[in-house]
Amino acid sequence: MSGLLLVTAVEAEAEALRAGLTTGAVTVAAVGVGPAAAAAGTARLLAFAEAAGRPYHGVVSAGIGGGFAGRAPVGTTVLATASIAADLGAESPDGFLTLDELGFGRISTPVDPGLFATLRAALPHVTVGTVLTVSTVTGSAGSARALATRHADAVAEAMEGYGVGCAAAGAGVPFAELRTISNPIGPRDRGAWRIRDAFTALTAAAAALEQTPDREVGDTRGDPDDGDAPDR
């Protein structure tokens, strides 16, 4: 699959992805931790590629993340149907109010149906659902329950997807998000984390993507018909 940009938060994630690539058709770059750094770094890469006359055909926010218990077990791979800025909003006496509810914008960045279909074809056994973008990683059972209740279709959380999605939308480039699960969302128990397994899964995902034949991103004819594909 040529012309694809995979952006990660840190270099260790980028290295895990590069370990599965052999042809140079897919570009990997680490752009920083958190939605702001991810948006700025991704926008810069997309702008440089456009200026050089070699625009990317798609951009994927990729890396490790936390999985919601019962939805995305540790060691599995997740494809997002949308990237949601879960903590972008305001507190109120009646609870958390999202940016949408405040009337200031949208917290959801949809993924491109054609790019989603291409990734799903390469990785048919992944878990599918929304992936939350948070600026503060969830570290308590109460916070995990609140997020899981507020976002019933969320399967994972990370810190960059929404930012990458915003940059892609601004550049008119198809966007998707892929995560491999290194830990359960909730109380921080470093002993239960399986980062090495998550990196191994990233390598396998990259190898599968590179071997996928090129198709026109945005062509939804290959979308799954089982209800998991996102709507535009």
Protein backbone atom coordinates (compact mmCIF):
# COMPACT_ATOMS: atom_id res chain seq x y z
CA MET A 1 0.00 0.00 0.00
CA SER A 2 1.89 3.06 -1.23
CA GLY A 3 1.53 6.71 -0.28
CA LEU A 4 0.51 5.99 3.31
CA LEU A 5 1.83 7.98 6.29
CA LEU A 6 1.84 6.30 9.70
CA VAL A 7 2.35 8.77 12.54
CA THR A 8 3.20 7.73 16.09
CA ALA A 9 3.74 9.58 19.34
CA VAL A 10 7.21 8.25 20.19
CA GLU A 11 10.14 6.76 18.30
CA ALA A 12 9.78 3.33 19.94
CA GLU A 13 6.36 2.94 18.29
CA ALA A 14 7.78 4.14 14.98
CA GLU A 15 10.59 1.59 15.20
CA ALA A 16 8.10 -1.21 15.87
CA LEU A 17 6.18 -0.26 12.73
CA ARG A 18 9.32 0.07 10.60
CA ALA A 19 10.35 -3.43 11.64
CA GLY A 20 7.43 -4.76 9.61
CA LEU A 21 8.17 -2.70 6.49
CA THR A 22 10.58 -3.60 3.73
CA THR A 23 9.78 -1.65 0.55
CA GLY A 24 9.71 2.02 1.55
CA ALA A 25 6.17 2.41 0.19
CA VAL A 26 4.86 3.34 3.65
CA THR A 27 6.32 6.29 5.60
CA VAL A 28 6.58 6.25 9.40
CA ALA A 29 7.27 9.28 11.61
CA ALA A 30 7.08 10.08 15.32
CA VAL A 31 5.39 13.46 15.84
CA GLY A 32 5.09 13.83 19.63
CA VAL A 33 2.87 12.93 22.57
CA GLY A 34 -0.62 14.37 22.99
CA PRO A 35 -3.19 15.81 20.57
CA ALA A 36 -1.54 19.23 20.14
CA ALA A 37 1.90 17.86 19.26
CA ALA A 38 0.32 15.22 17.05
CA ALA A 39 -1.74 17.78 15.14
CA ALA A 40 1.18 20.16 14.65
CA GLY A 41 3.64 17.44 13.63
CA THR A 42 1.22 15.75 11.25
CA ALA A 43 0.20 19.04 9.62
CA ARG A 44 3.86 19.84 9.00
CA LEU A 45 4.54 16.48 7.34
CA LEU A 46 1.43 16.73 5.16
CA ALA A 47 2.30 20.28 4.11
CA PHE A 48 5.87 19.37 3.19
CA ALA A 49 4.70 16.38 1.14
CA GLU A 50 2.13 18.52 -0.71
CA ALA A 51 4.70 21.22 -1.42
CA ALA A 52 7.11 18.62 -2.79
CA GLY A 53 4.47 17.32 -5.20
CA ARG A 54 4.28 13.95 -3.44
CA PRO A 55 1.14 14.19 -1.28
CA TYR A 56 0.20 11.30 0.94
CA HIS A 57 -2.85 9.25 -0.01
CA GLY A 58 -3.76 8.66 3.63
CA VAL A 59 -2.55 9.21 7.19
CA VAL A 60 -2.97 6.78 10.09
CA SER A 61 -2.49 7.61 13.76
CA ALA A 62 -0.78 4.43 14.97
CA GLY A 63 0.73 3.20 18.21
CA ILE A 64 -0.05 1.47 21.46
CA GLY A 65 -2.94 2.30 23.75
CA GLY A 66 -5.14 1.17 26.60
CA GLY A 67 -8.13 -1.12 26.08
CA PHE A 68 -11.46 -1.09 27.88
CA ALA A 69 -12.06 -4.27 29.87
CA GLY A 70 -14.36 -6.64 28.03
CA ARG A 71 -14.01 -4.70 24.78
CA ALA A 72 -10.35 -4.79 23.70
CA PRO A 73 -8.11 -7.25 25.57
CA VAL A 74 -4.40 -6.63 26.05
CA GLY A 75 -2.41 -7.83 23.04
CA THR A 76 -5.16 -7.20 20.48
CA THR A 77 -5.26 -4.71 17.60
CA VAL A 78 -7.94 -2.04 17.24
CA LEU A 79 -9.20 -0.02 14.26
CA ALA A 80 -11.12 3.14 15.05
CA THR A 81 -14.48 3.98 13.52
CA ALA A 82 -13.91 7.51 14.87
CA SER A 83 -11.40 9.32 17.07
CA ILE A 84 -13.08 11.17 19.93
CA ALA A 85 -11.59 13.89 22.12
CA ALA A 86 -13.07 12.47 25.31
CA ASP A 87 -11.88 15.16 27.73
CA LEU A 88 -12.46 18.20 25.51
CA GLY A 89 -15.25 20.12 27.20
CA ALA A 90 -16.19 21.51 30.60
CA GLU A 91 -17.19 20.31 34.03
CA SER A 92 -20.62 21.31 35.31
CA PRO A 93 -22.81 20.62 38.37
CA ASP A 94 -24.67 18.09 36.21
CA GLY A 95 -21.53 16.35 35.01
CA PHE A 96 -19.10 16.62 32.10
CA LEU A 97 -20.23 18.64 29.08
CA THR A 98 -18.61 17.89 25.73
CA LEU A 99 -17.55 20.52 23.22
CA ASP A 100 -20.60 19.56 21.16
CA GLU A 101 -22.94 20.16 24.09
CA LEU A 102 -21.30 23.51 24.75
CA GLY A 103 -21.87 24.50 21.12
CA PHE A 104 -18.18 25.16 20.40
CA GLY A 105 -17.42 22.42 17.91
CA ARG A 106 -17.21 18.66 17.57
CA ILE A 107 -15.26 16.13 19.60
CA SER A 108 -15.45 13.39 16.99
CA THR A 109 -13.16 13.06 14.00
CA PRO A 110 -14.57 10.43 11.63
CA VAL A 111 -12.28 8.08 9.77
CA ASP A 112 -12.31 7.85 5.99
CA PRO A 113 -14.53 4.93 4.87
CA GLY A 114 -12.24 3.90 2.02
CA LEU A 115 -9.09 3.95 4.14
CA PHE A 116 -10.91 2.11 6.91
CA ALA A 117 -11.99 -0.57 4.42
CA THR A 118 -8.43 -0.95 3.15
CA LEU A 119 -7.05 -1.36 6.67
CA ARG A 120 -9.83 -3.76 7.61
CA ALA A 121 -9.11 -5.89 4.53
CA ALA A 122 -5.46 -6.12 5.58
CA LEU A 123 -6.34 -6.78 9.22
CA PRO A 124 -9.63 -8.71 9.16
CA HIS A 125 -9.50 -9.97 12.74
CA VAL A 126 -9.06 -6.68 14.57
CA THR A 127 -11.43 -5.17 17.11
CA VAL A 128 -13.47 -2.26 15.74
CA GLY A 129 -14.92 0.70 17.66
CA THR A 130 -14.31 4.30 18.62
CA VAL A 131 -10.93 5.23 20.09
CA LEU A 132 -10.84 7.99 22.69
CA THR A 133 -8.17 10.69 22.65
CA VAL A 134 -7.28 11.90 26.15
CA SER A 135 -4.74 14.42 27.38
CA THR A 136 -4.53 12.66 30.76
CA VAL A 137 -4.32 8.86 30.67
CA THR A 138 -7.07 7.21 32.71
CA GLY A 139 -5.68 5.90 36.01
CA SER A 140 -8.60 4.91 38.22
CA ALA A 141 -11.48 2.44 38.10
CA GLY A 142 -13.99 5.25 38.58
CA SER A 143 -12.66 7.28 35.65
CA ALA A 144 -12.59 4.17 33.46
CA ARG A 145 -16.24 3.39 34.30
CA ALA A 146 -17.28 6.98 33.59
CA LEU A 147 -15.61 6.95 30.18
CA ALA A 148 -17.00 3.53 29.30
CA THR A 149 -20.50 4.70 30.24
CA ARG A 150 -20.25 8.00 28.37
CA HIS A 151 -18.81 6.30 25.28
CA ALA A 152 -20.60 2.97 25.00
CA ASP A 153 -18.92 2.08 21.68
CA ALA A 154 -15.37 3.01 22.75
CA VAL A 155 -12.86 0.17 22.74
CA ALA A 156 -9.59 1.95 23.53
CA GLU A 157 -7.92 5.21 24.52
CA ALA A 158 -4.72 6.91 23.40
CA MET A 159 -3.43 10.48 23.26
CA GLU A 160 -3.03 11.49 19.61
CA GLY A 161 -5.78 10.28 17.27
CA TYR A 162 -8.04 13.34 17.43
CA GLY A 163 -5.09 15.66 16.78
CA VAL A 164 -3.92 13.65 13.78
CA GLY A 165 -7.49 13.54 12.48
CA CYS A 166 -7.81 17.32 12.72
CA ALA A 167 -4.57 17.79 10.77
CA ALA A 168 -5.69 15.33 8.12
CA ALA A 169 -9.07 17.03 7.76
CA GLY A 170 -7.39 20.41 7.36
CA ALA A 171 -5.20 19.03 4.58
CA GLY A 172 -7.98 17.06 2.88
CA VAL A 173 -6.16 13.75 3.42
CA PRO A 174 -8.01 10.53 4.39
CA PHE A 175 -7.53 9.59 8.06
CA ALA A 176 -7.70 6.45 10.18
CA GLU A 177 -6.45 5.27 13.58
CA LEU A 178 -4.86 1.95 14.55
CA ARG A 179 -3.90 0.89 18.08
CA THR A 180 -2.42 -2.21 19.65
CA ILE A 181 -3.41 -2.74 23.27
CA SER A 182 -0.63 -2.75 25.86
CA ASN A 183 -2.67 -2.37 29.05
CA PRO A 184 -6.20 -2.30 30.43
CA ILE A 185 -7.74 1.11 31.07
CA GLY A 186 -8.05 1.79 34.80
CA PRO A 187 -5.75 1.69 37.83
CA ARG A 188 -2.14 2.00 36.69
CA ASP A 189 -0.54 -1.40 37.26
CA ARG A 190 2.74 -1.36 35.35
CA GLY A 191 3.25 -5.04 36.14
CA ALA A 192 0.21 -5.92 34.02
CA TRP A 193 1.36 -3.95 30.98
CA ARG A 194 2.52 -5.90 27.91
CA ILE A 195 4.27 -3.23 25.89
CA ARG A 196 6.54 -5.71 24.11
CA ASP A 197 3.50 -7.68 22.91
CA ALA A 198 1.87 -4.46 21.72
CA PHE A 199 5.01 -3.52 19.78
CA THR A 200 5.06 -7.00 18.20
CA ALA A 201 1.45 -6.49 17.12
CA LEU A 202 2.39 -3.13 15.58
CA THR A 203 5.11 -4.82 13.55
CA ALA A 204 2.67 -7.46 12.31
CA ALA A 205 0.10 -4.80 11.41
CA ALA A 206 2.66 -2.80 9.42
CA ALA A 207 3.72 -5.90 7.49
CA ALA A 208 0.09 -6.67 6.64
CA LEU A 209 -0.54 -3.11 5.45
CA GLU A 210 2.53 -3.07 3.23
CA GLN A 211 1.36 -6.25 1.50
CA THR A 212 -2.11 -4.88 0.80
CA PRO A 213 -2.66 -4.02 -2.89
CA ASP A 214 -3.18 -0.34 -3.66
CA ARG A 215 -6.75 0.84 -4.04
CA GLU A 216 -8.30 4.26 -4.32
CA VAL A 217 -8.72 5.70 -0.86
CA GLY A 218 -12.29 6.90 -0.47
CA ASP A 219 -13.67 4.08 -2.64
CA THR A 220 -16.07 2.37 -0.23
CA ARG A 221 -16.99 -0.59 -2.43
CA GLY A 222 -14.82 -2.84 -0.29
CA ASP A 223 -16.32 -1.76 3.04
CA PRO A 224 -17.33 -4.57 5.39
CA ASP A 225 -21.05 -5.28 5.22
CA ASP A 226 -21.33 -6.44 8.82
CA GLY A 227 -22.17 -3.02 10.25
CA ASP A 228 -18.70 -2.26 11.56
CA ALA A 229 -17.70 0.21 8.86
CA PRO A 230 -17.99 3.87 9.80
CA ASP A 231 -20.42 6.27 8.18
CA ARG A 232 -19.08 9.37 6.52
